[in-house]
Amino acid sequence: MPVLVASDLDRTLIYSAAALALTMPDARAPRLLCVEVHESKPLSYMTETSAQLLTDLGDAAVFVPTTTRTRKQYQRINLPGPPPKYAICANGGHLLVDGVSDPDWNARVAARLADECAPLGEVQDHLMATASPAWVRKHRIAEDLFAYLVVERELLPEEWVKELAVWAENRGWTVSLQGRKLYAVPKPLTKSAAMHEVARRTGAELTLAAGDSLLDADLLLAADKGWRPGHGELADADWTAPAISALPERGVLAGERILREFLKAVAPKSSG
């Protein structure tokens, strides 16, 4: 029976230059592999060791990239190893099968959102009305499913974020602040629901997961075993649960450690 590994990407397995956290002396820094180029510029990296570990993992388990990125943003990433058959994009709004969005899954998600939470337009209008141009750089809608702002983090009023979170909660939405992006996401739009669907389709008997943000909490809780790095929203909140391991590593070396943990958990199954 296959093992399913559903992992967040940004700041879990892949890292921007700003998120690498290379605290060691320069001469001892790990060699890096660029895994994403955007507008002709390198954007995301993993260590060369991580690249080999991910290749090994792809051979030993059903590896499912699981991201809040849109399909277009995800498809810029060039991960090492065998191409994943399944990928989860838009926080669970799109289930890609061999790179193509599954229309049945998409329809099921849309029906749940219509039934269970306020419409995207209402949230978008609220963000436009209350977010100040003094600290908002961009307003974005992702896949007609959720909204996010690109903000100047040091200028962002903490009180505004708290008020937005309460306003969103009352309408069936959740708010997550990750780096310079503030997300407003419908509560039924989850990575965990999409992971369960992939597990059903593949017959996976064991599910493993990793992630760093509040939007990954449901994914980690839904897996049989999960890991979170020593950075990110979950680490900042000291968040944990019985089947979750909180790792001490921060930055790109956390990605390496997570992949080692995945392989250790997969090995008894793959060798059996």
C-alpha atoms as a PDB file:
ATOM      1  CA  MET A   1       0.000   0.000   0.000  1.00  0.00           C
ATOM      2  CA  PRO A   2       1.428   3.408  -0.911  1.00  0.00           C
ATOM      3  CA  VAL A   3       2.451   6.090   1.570  1.00  0.00           C
ATOM      4  CA  LEU A   4       1.151   9.580   0.780  1.00  0.00           C
ATOM      5  CA  VAL A   5       3.376  12.579   1.593  1.00  0.00           C
ATOM      6  CA  ALA A   6       1.536  15.922   1.356  1.00  0.00           C
ATOM      7  CA  SER A   7       3.900  18.831   1.938  1.00  0.00           C
ATOM      8  CA  ASP A   8       3.553  22.574   1.828  1.00  0.00           C
ATOM      9  CA  LEU A   9       6.174  24.196  -0.421  1.00  0.00           C
ATOM     10  CA  ASP A  10       7.033  27.816   0.426  1.00  0.00           C
ATOM     11  CA  ARG A  11       9.080  28.085   3.630  1.00  0.00           C
ATOM     12  CA  THR A  12       8.640  24.338   4.160  1.00  0.00           C
ATOM     13  CA  LEU A  13      10.505  22.677   1.272  1.00  0.00           C
ATOM     14  CA  ILE A  14      11.467  25.682  -0.895  1.00  0.00           C
ATOM     15  CA  TYR A  15      12.754  29.092   0.193  1.00  0.00           C
ATOM     16  CA  SER A  16      13.126  32.576  -1.207  1.00  0.00           C
ATOM     17  CA  ALA A  17      16.490  34.290  -0.734  1.00  0.00           C
ATOM     18  CA  ALA A  18      14.993  36.292   2.148  1.00  0.00           C
ATOM     19  CA  ALA A  19      13.769  33.136   3.918  1.00  0.00           C
ATOM     20  CA  LEU A  20      16.917  30.966   3.621  1.00  0.00           C
ATOM     21  CA  ALA A  21      18.177  31.868   7.138  1.00  0.00           C
ATOM     22  CA  LEU A  22      21.808  31.108   6.347  1.00  0.00           C
ATOM     23  CA  THR A  23      23.221  31.837   9.811  1.00  0.00           C
ATOM     24  CA  MET A  24      26.419  29.805   9.428  1.00  0.00           C
ATOM     25  CA  PRO A  25      29.742  31.288   8.189  1.00  0.00           C
ATOM     26  CA  ASP A  26      29.623  31.884   4.419  1.00  0.00           C
ATOM     27  CA  ALA A  27      32.242  29.217   3.716  1.00  0.00           C
ATOM     28  CA  ARG A  28      30.033  26.603   5.441  1.00  0.00           C
ATOM     29  CA  ALA A  29      26.755  27.548   3.750  1.00  0.00           C
ATOM     30  CA  PRO A  30      25.059  24.671   1.917  1.00  0.00           C
ATOM     31  CA  ARG A  31      25.104  24.542  -1.878  1.00  0.00           C
ATOM     32  CA  LEU A  32      21.748  25.709  -3.209  1.00  0.00           C
ATOM     33  CA  LEU A  33      19.677  24.636  -6.190  1.00  0.00           C
ATOM     34  CA  CYS A  34      17.303  27.148  -7.791  1.00  0.00           C
ATOM     35  CA  VAL A  35      13.882  25.514  -8.241  1.00  0.00           C
ATOM     36  CA  GLU A  36      11.840  28.531  -9.380  1.00  0.00           C
ATOM     37  CA  VAL A  37      12.462  31.345 -11.849  1.00  0.00           C
ATOM     38  CA  HIS A  38      10.033  34.256 -12.206  1.00  0.00           C
ATOM     39  CA  GLU A  39      10.378  37.025 -14.792  1.00  0.00           C
ATOM     40  CA  SER A  40      13.853  35.710 -15.668  1.00  0.00           C
ATOM     41  CA  LYS A  41      15.060  35.940 -12.043  1.00  0.00           C
ATOM     42  CA  PRO A  42      15.805  33.131  -9.572  1.00  0.00           C
ATOM     43  CA  LEU A  43      13.139  33.105  -6.884  1.00  0.00           C
ATOM     44  CA  SER A  44      13.113  29.903  -4.803  1.00  0.00           C
ATOM     45  CA  TYR A  45      15.766  27.480  -3.633  1.00  0.00           C
ATOM     46  CA  MET A  46      16.423  24.257  -1.798  1.00  0.00           C
ATOM     47  CA  THR A  47      19.746  22.740  -0.777  1.00  0.00           C
ATOM     48  CA  GLU A  48      21.344  20.244  -3.166  1.00  0.00           C
ATOM     49  CA  THR A  49      21.007  17.676  -0.387  1.00  0.00           C
ATOM     50  CA  SER A  50      17.257  18.398  -0.206  1.00  0.00           C
ATOM     51  CA  ALA A  51      17.028  17.910  -3.965  1.00  0.00           C
ATOM     52  CA  GLN A  52      18.474  14.396  -3.658  1.00  0.00           C
ATOM     53  CA  LEU A  53      16.259  13.585  -0.669  1.00  0.00           C
ATOM     54  CA  LEU A  54      13.157  14.738  -2.570  1.00  0.00           C
ATOM     55  CA  THR A  55      14.158  12.592  -5.545  1.00  0.00           C
ATOM     56  CA  ASP A  56      14.476   9.583  -3.230  1.00  0.00           C
ATOM     57  CA  LEU A  57      11.123  10.418  -1.629  1.00  0.00           C
ATOM     58  CA  GLY A  58       9.402  10.644  -5.014  1.00  0.00           C
ATOM     59  CA  ASP A  59      10.627   7.122  -5.793  1.00  0.00           C
ATOM     60  CA  ALA A  60       9.470   5.721  -2.438  1.00  0.00           C
ATOM     61  CA  ALA A  61       6.089   7.405  -1.831  1.00  0.00           C
ATOM     62  CA  VAL A  62       3.230   9.317  -3.456  1.00  0.00           C
ATOM     63  CA  PHE A  63       4.614  12.850  -3.060  1.00  0.00           C
ATOM     64  CA  VAL A  64       1.912  15.527  -3.321  1.00  0.00           C
ATOM     65  CA  PRO A  65       3.017  19.191  -3.419  1.00  0.00           C
ATOM     66  CA  THR A  66       0.377  21.026  -1.358  1.00  0.00           C
ATOM     67  CA  THR A  67       0.277  24.796  -1.676  1.00  0.00           C
ATOM     68  CA  THR A  68      -1.784  27.948  -1.330  1.00  0.00           C
ATOM     69  CA  ARG A  69      -0.240  29.095  -4.614  1.00  0.00           C
ATOM     70  CA  THR A  70      -2.406  29.422  -7.704  1.00  0.00           C
ATOM     71  CA  ARG A  71      -1.905  26.863 -10.456  1.00  0.00           C
ATOM     72  CA  LYS A  72       0.099  29.381 -12.488  1.00  0.00           C
ATOM     73  CA  GLN A  73       2.380  30.172  -9.532  1.00  0.00           C
ATOM     74  CA  TYR A  74       2.830  26.473  -8.758  1.00  0.00           C
ATOM     75  CA  GLN A  75       3.710  25.615 -12.342  1.00  0.00           C
ATOM     76  CA  ARG A  76       6.719  27.964 -12.200  1.00  0.00           C
ATOM     77  CA  ILE A  77       8.343  25.589  -9.705  1.00  0.00           C
ATOM     78  CA  ASN A  78      10.660  22.929 -11.114  1.00  0.00           C
ATOM     79  CA  LEU A  79      11.059  20.366  -8.346  1.00  0.00           C
ATOM     80  CA  PRO A  80      13.699  17.639  -8.594  1.00  0.00           C
ATOM     81  CA  GLY A  81      12.642  14.003  -8.779  1.00  0.00           C
ATOM     82  CA  PRO A  82       9.814  12.273 -10.641  1.00  0.00           C
ATOM     83  CA  PRO A  83       6.969  14.633 -11.691  1.00  0.00           C
ATOM     84  CA  PRO A  84       4.202  14.332  -9.064  1.00  0.00           C
ATOM     85  CA  LYS A  85       1.020  12.763 -10.423  1.00  0.00           C
ATOM     86  CA  TYR A  86      -1.065  14.787  -7.961  1.00  0.00           C
ATOM     87  CA  ALA A  87      -0.645  18.348  -6.706  1.00  0.00           C
ATOM     88  CA  ILE A  88      -2.906  20.460  -4.488  1.00  0.00           C
ATOM     89  CA  CYS A  89      -3.092  24.162  -5.394  1.00  0.00           C
ATOM     90  CA  ALA A  90      -5.065  27.206  -4.215  1.00  0.00           C
ATOM     91  CA  ASN A  91      -5.210  25.820  -0.653  1.00  0.00           C
ATOM     92  CA  GLY A  92      -7.197  22.795  -1.831  1.00  0.00           C
ATOM     93  CA  GLY A  93      -9.333  24.580  -4.422  1.00  0.00           C
ATOM     94  CA  HIS A  94      -7.638  22.777  -7.291  1.00  0.00           C
ATOM     95  CA  LEU A  95      -6.542  19.146  -7.397  1.00  0.00           C
ATOM     96  CA  LEU A  96      -4.137  18.674 -10.293  1.00  0.00           C
ATOM     97  CA  VAL A  97      -3.894  15.234 -11.882  1.00  0.00           C
ATOM     98  CA  ASP A  98      -0.928  15.013 -14.249  1.00  0.00           C
ATOM     99  CA  GLY A  99      -0.873  18.815 -14.269  1.00  0.00           C
ATOM    100  CA  VAL A 100      -4.560  19.296 -15.121  1.00  0.00           C
ATOM    101  CA  SER A 101      -7.223  20.511 -12.671  1.00  0.00           C
ATOM    102  CA  ASP A 102      -9.814  17.858 -11.843  1.00  0.00           C
ATOM    103  CA  PRO A 103     -13.198  19.428 -12.767  1.00  0.00           C
ATOM    104  CA  ASP A 104     -15.227  17.189 -10.432  1.00  0.00           C
ATOM    105  CA  TRP A 105     -13.138  18.212  -7.436  1.00  0.00           C
ATOM    106  CA  ASN A 106     -13.347  21.873  -8.431  1.00  0.00           C
ATOM    107  CA  ALA A 107     -17.155  21.656  -8.631  1.00  0.00           C
ATOM    108  CA  ARG A 108     -17.378  19.998  -5.200  1.00  0.00           C
ATOM    109  CA  VAL A 109     -15.261  22.767  -3.661  1.00  0.00           C
ATOM    110  CA  ALA A 110     -17.349  25.505  -5.298  1.00  0.00           C
ATOM    111  CA  ALA A 111     -20.571  23.956  -3.959  1.00  0.00           C
ATOM    112  CA  ARG A 112     -19.204  23.830  -0.404  1.00  0.00           C
ATOM    113  CA  LEU A 113     -18.069  27.451  -0.523  1.00  0.00           C
ATOM    114  CA  ALA A 114     -21.460  28.599  -1.790  1.00  0.00           C
ATOM    115  CA  ASP A 115     -23.183  26.723   1.056  1.00  0.00           C
ATOM    116  CA  GLU A 116     -20.919  27.476   3.982  1.00  0.00           C
ATOM    117  CA  CYS A 117     -19.402  30.961   3.836  1.00  0.00           C
ATOM    118  CA  ALA A 118     -19.817  34.554   2.701  1.00  0.00           C
ATOM    119  CA  PRO A 119     -19.038  35.207  -0.978  1.00  0.00           C
ATOM    120  CA  LEU A 120     -15.588  36.301  -2.117  1.00  0.00           C
ATOM    121  CA  GLY A 121     -16.977  39.626  -3.361  1.00  0.00           C
ATOM    122  CA  GLU A 122     -18.058  40.635   0.141  1.00  0.00           C
ATOM    123  CA  VAL A 123     -14.601  39.911   1.537  1.00  0.00           C
ATOM    124  CA  GLN A 124     -12.891  41.684  -1.339  1.00  0.00           C
ATOM    125  CA  ASP A 125     -15.052  44.777  -0.820  1.00  0.00           C
ATOM    126  CA  HIS A 126     -14.228  44.803   2.902  1.00  0.00           C
ATOM    127  CA  LEU A 127     -10.500  44.571   2.214  1.00  0.00           C
ATOM    128  CA  MET A 128     -10.668  47.388  -0.340  1.00  0.00           C
ATOM    129  CA  ALA A 129     -12.627  49.571   2.094  1.00  0.00           C
ATOM    130  CA  THR A 130     -10.515  49.013   5.221  1.00  0.00           C
ATOM    131  CA  ALA A 131      -6.931  48.309   4.091  1.00  0.00           C
ATOM    132  CA  SER A 132      -4.842  51.469   3.806  1.00  0.00           C
ATOM    133  CA  PRO A 133      -2.777  52.304   0.706  1.00  0.00           C
ATOM    134  CA  ALA A 134      -0.110  53.410   3.197  1.00  0.00           C
ATOM    135  CA  TRP A 135       0.787  49.761   3.831  1.00  0.00           C
ATOM    136  CA  VAL A 136      -0.913  47.745   1.065  1.00  0.00           C
ATOM    137  CA  ARG A 137       1.137  47.261  -2.082  1.00  0.00           C
ATOM    138  CA  LYS A 138      -1.170  44.893  -3.999  1.00  0.00           C
ATOM    139  CA  HIS A 139      -4.719  43.520  -3.801  1.00  0.00           C
ATOM    140  CA  ARG A 140      -4.980  40.054  -5.374  1.00  0.00           C
ATOM    141  CA  ILE A 141      -7.695  37.468  -6.051  1.00  0.00           C
ATOM    142  CA  ALA A 142      -6.475  33.873  -6.400  1.00  0.00           C
ATOM    143  CA  GLU A 143      -8.351  31.525  -8.732  1.00  0.00           C
ATOM    144  CA  ASP A 144     -11.666  33.258  -7.855  1.00  0.00           C
ATOM    145  CA  LEU A 145     -11.445  31.387  -4.548  1.00  0.00           C
ATOM    146  CA  PHE A 146      -9.724  33.628  -2.001  1.00  0.00           C
ATOM    147  CA  ALA A 147      -8.073  37.024  -1.587  1.00  0.00           C
ATOM    148  CA  TYR A 148      -4.691  38.214  -0.399  1.00  0.00           C
ATOM    149  CA  LEU A 149      -2.857  41.473   0.142  1.00  0.00           C
ATOM    150  CA  VAL A 150       0.832  42.150  -0.353  1.00  0.00           C
ATOM    151  CA  VAL A 151       1.709  44.457   2.544  1.00  0.00           C
ATOM    152  CA  GLU A 152       4.568  46.423   4.060  1.00  0.00           C
ATOM    153  CA  ARG A 153       4.859  44.234   7.139  1.00  0.00           C
ATOM    154  CA  GLU A 154       6.522  46.844   9.384  1.00  0.00           C
ATOM    155  CA  LEU A 155       3.703  49.330   8.689  1.00  0.00           C
ATOM    156  CA  LEU A 156       0.829  46.847   9.004  1.00  0.00           C
ATOM    157  CA  PRO A 157      -1.294  47.690  12.099  1.00  0.00           C
ATOM    158  CA  GLU A 158      -1.614  44.646  14.350  1.00  0.00           C
ATOM    159  CA  GLU A 159      -5.014  45.854  15.549  1.00  0.00           C
ATOM    160  CA  TRP A 160      -6.349  45.922  11.975  1.00  0.00           C
ATOM    161  CA  VAL A 161      -5.272  42.315  11.432  1.00  0.00           C
ATOM    162  CA  LYS A 162      -7.049  41.252  14.655  1.00  0.00           C
ATOM    163  CA  GLU A 163     -10.232  43.103  13.687  1.00  0.00           C
ATOM    164  CA  LEU A 164     -10.134  41.567  10.207  1.00  0.00           C
ATOM    165  CA  ALA A 165      -9.742  38.084  11.704  1.00  0.00           C
ATOM    166  CA  VAL A 166     -12.873  38.547  13.866  1.00  0.00           C
ATOM    167  CA  TRP A 167     -14.842  40.005  10.935  1.00  0.00           C
ATOM    168  CA  ALA A 168     -13.783  37.084   8.715  1.00  0.00           C
ATOM    169  CA  GLU A 169     -14.496  34.440  11.369  1.00  0.00           C
ATOM    170  CA  ASN A 170     -18.116  35.611  11.581  1.00  0.00           C
ATOM    171  CA  ARG A 171     -18.478  35.014   7.830  1.00  0.00           C
ATOM    172  CA  GLY A 172     -16.867  31.585   7.639  1.00  0.00           C
ATOM    173  CA  TRP A 173     -13.444  32.844   6.564  1.00  0.00           C
ATOM    174  CA  THR A 174      -9.982  32.705   8.132  1.00  0.00           C
ATOM    175  CA  VAL A 175      -7.049  35.144   8.040  1.00  0.00           C
ATOM    176  CA  SER A 176      -3.376  34.163   7.820  1.00  0.00           C
ATOM    177  CA  LEU A 177      -0.320  36.438   7.719  1.00  0.00           C
ATOM    178  CA  GLN A 178       2.715  34.900   5.993  1.00  0.00           C
ATOM    179  CA  GLY A 179       5.691  37.140   5.394  1.00  0.00           C
ATOM    180  CA  ARG A 180       4.459  40.041   3.269  1.00  0.00           C
ATOM    181  CA  LYS A 181       1.195  38.318   2.311  1.00  0.00           C
ATOM    182  CA  LEU A 182      -2.043  38.524   4.270  1.00  0.00           C
ATOM    183  CA  TYR A 183      -4.530  35.857   3.168  1.00  0.00           C
ATOM    184  CA  ALA A 184      -8.295  35.758   3.578  1.00  0.00           C
ATOM    185  CA  VAL A 185      -9.425  32.204   2.865  1.00  0.00           C
ATOM    186  CA  PRO A 186     -12.853  30.498   3.157  1.00  0.00           C
ATOM    187  CA  LYS A 187     -12.835  27.960   5.997  1.00  0.00           C
ATOM    188  CA  PRO A 188     -14.107  25.063   3.838  1.00  0.00           C
ATOM    189  CA  LEU A 189     -11.192  25.640   1.422  1.00  0.00           C
ATOM    190  CA  THR A 190      -8.649  23.296   3.001  1.00  0.00           C
ATOM    191  CA  LYS A 191      -5.547  21.382   2.051  1.00  0.00           C
ATOM    192  CA  SER A 192      -6.715  18.503   4.256  1.00  0.00           C
ATOM    193  CA  ALA A 193      -9.879  17.831   2.241  1.00  0.00           C
ATOM    194  CA  ALA A 194      -7.852  17.574  -0.956  1.00  0.00           C
ATOM    195  CA  MET A 195      -5.273  15.355   0.753  1.00  0.00           C
ATOM    196  CA  HIS A 196      -8.040  12.971   1.890  1.00  0.00           C
ATOM    197  CA  GLU A 197      -9.273  12.802  -1.715  1.00  0.00           C
ATOM    198  CA  VAL A 198      -5.793  11.875  -3.001  1.00  0.00           C
ATOM    199  CA  ALA A 199      -5.465   9.277  -0.237  1.00  0.00           C
ATOM    200  CA  ARG A 200      -8.810   7.795  -1.319  1.00  0.00           C
ATOM    201  CA  ARG A 201      -7.754   7.651  -4.969  1.00  0.00           C
ATOM    202  CA  THR A 202      -4.325   6.143  -4.286  1.00  0.00           C
ATOM    203  CA  GLY A 203      -5.355   3.772  -1.508  1.00  0.00           C
ATOM    204  CA  ALA A 204      -2.670   5.233   0.773  1.00  0.00           C
ATOM    205  CA  GLU A 205      -2.609   3.563   4.183  1.00  0.00           C
ATOM    206  CA  LEU A 206      -0.269   6.119   5.778  1.00  0.00           C
ATOM    207  CA  THR A 207      -0.356   9.910   5.315  1.00  0.00           C
ATOM    208  CA  LEU A 208       2.513  12.248   6.225  1.00  0.00           C
ATOM    209  CA  ALA A 209       2.484  16.059   6.079  1.00  0.00           C
ATOM    210  CA  ALA A 210       4.571  19.160   6.744  1.00  0.00           C
ATOM    211  CA  GLY A 211       3.870  22.892   6.796  1.00  0.00           C
ATOM    212  CA  ASP A 212       4.755  26.146   8.525  1.00  0.00           C
ATOM    213  CA  SER A 213       1.638  28.361   8.432  1.00  0.00           C
ATOM    214  CA  LEU A 214      -1.826  28.491  10.010  1.00  0.00           C
ATOM    215  CA  LEU A 215      -3.212  27.405   6.624  1.00  0.00           C
ATOM    216  CA  ASP A 216      -1.233  24.160   7.079  1.00  0.00           C
ATOM    217  CA  ALA A 217      -2.638  23.327  10.525  1.00  0.00           C
ATOM    218  CA  ASP A 218      -5.613  21.373   9.169  1.00  0.00           C
ATOM    219  CA  LEU A 219      -3.293  19.426   6.828  1.00  0.00           C
ATOM    220  CA  LEU A 220      -0.988  18.459   9.695  1.00  0.00           C
ATOM    221  CA  LEU A 221      -3.885  17.444  11.937  1.00  0.00           C
ATOM    222  CA  ALA A 222      -5.440  15.348   9.163  1.00  0.00           C
ATOM    223  CA  ALA A 223      -2.242  13.368   8.524  1.00  0.00           C
ATOM    224  CA  ASP A 224      -1.150  10.330  10.511  1.00  0.00           C
ATOM    225  CA  LYS A 225       2.109  12.127  11.258  1.00  0.00           C
ATOM    226  CA  GLY A 226       3.251  15.706  10.675  1.00  0.00           C
ATOM    227  CA  TRP A 227       6.229  18.027  11.030  1.00  0.00           C
ATOM    228  CA  ARG A 228       6.582  21.780  11.280  1.00  0.00           C
ATOM    229  CA  PRO A 229       9.801  23.826  11.027  1.00  0.00           C
ATOM    230  CA  GLY A 230      11.191  26.123  13.721  1.00  0.00           C
ATOM    231  CA  HIS A 231       9.992  29.208  11.827  1.00  0.00           C
ATOM    232  CA  GLY A 232       6.626  30.447  10.543  1.00  0.00           C
ATOM    233  CA  GLU A 233       3.190  31.136  11.999  1.00  0.00           C
ATOM    234  CA  LEU A 234       2.849  27.737  13.693  1.00  0.00           C
ATOM    235  CA  ALA A 235       6.253  28.040  15.378  1.00  0.00           C
ATOM    236  CA  ASP A 236       5.536  31.641  16.410  1.00  0.00           C
ATOM    237  CA  ALA A 237       2.325  30.435  18.079  1.00  0.00           C
ATOM    238  CA  ASP A 238       4.159  27.431  19.618  1.00  0.00           C
ATOM    239  CA  TRP A 239       1.476  25.308  17.955  1.00  0.00           C
ATOM    240  CA  THR A 240       1.645  21.566  18.328  1.00  0.00           C
ATOM    241  CA  ALA A 241      -0.531  18.438  18.520  1.00  0.00           C
ATOM    242  CA  PRO A 242       0.019  14.802  19.551  1.00  0.00           C
ATOM    243  CA  ALA A 243       1.132  13.486  16.132  1.00  0.00           C
ATOM    244  CA  ILE A 244       3.078  16.655  15.198  1.00  0.00           C
ATOM    245  CA  SER A 245       6.843  17.028  15.610  1.00  0.00           C
ATOM    246  CA  ALA A 246       8.096  20.587  16.105  1.00  0.00           C
ATOM    247  CA  LEU A 247      11.565  20.724  14.557  1.00  0.00           C
ATOM    248  CA  PRO A 248      14.239  23.155  15.809  1.00  0.00           C
ATOM    249  CA  GLU A 249      15.724  23.912  12.376  1.00  0.00           C
ATOM    250  CA  ARG A 250      14.861  27.222  10.711  1.00  0.00           C
ATOM    251  CA  GLY A 251      15.156  28.315   7.088  1.00  0.00           C
ATOM    252  CA  VAL A 252      16.356  26.150   4.220  1.00  0.00           C
ATOM    253  CA  LEU A 253      17.962  23.572   6.548  1.00  0.00           C
ATOM    254  CA  ALA A 254      14.498  22.911   8.001  1.00  0.00           C
ATOM    255  CA  GLY A 255      13.433  21.767   4.542  1.00  0.00           C
ATOM    256  CA  GLU A 256      16.299  19.284   4.521  1.00  0.00           C
ATOM    257  CA  ARG A 257      15.348  17.965   7.968  1.00  0.00           C
ATOM    258  CA  ILE A 258      11.677  17.588   6.978  1.00  0.00           C
ATOM    259  CA  LEU A 259      12.616  15.505   3.938  1.00  0.00           C
ATOM    260  CA  ARG A 260      14.848  13.285   6.090  1.00  0.00           C
ATOM    261  CA  GLU A 261      11.925  12.765   8.502  1.00  0.00           C
ATOM    262  CA  PHE A 262       9.596  11.890   5.611  1.00  0.00           C
ATOM    263  CA  LEU A 263      12.057   9.313   4.289  1.00  0.00           C
ATOM    264  CA  LYS A 264      12.571   7.778   7.741  1.00  0.00           C
ATOM    265  CA  ALA A 265       8.800   7.389   8.111  1.00  0.00           C
ATOM    266  CA  VAL A 266       8.402   5.997   4.577  1.00  0.00           C
ATOM    267  CA  ALA A 267      11.378   3.594   4.665  1.00  0.00           C
ATOM    268  CA  PRO A 268       9.811   0.792   6.743  1.00  0.00           C
ATOM    269  CA  LYS A 269       6.783   0.837   4.415  1.00  0.00           C
ATOM    270  CA  SER A 270       8.729   1.036   1.136  1.00  0.00           C
ATOM    271  CA  SER A 271      11.110  -1.745   2.142  1.00  0.00           C
ATOM    272  CA  GLY A 272       8.281  -4.031   3.252  1.00  0.00           C
END
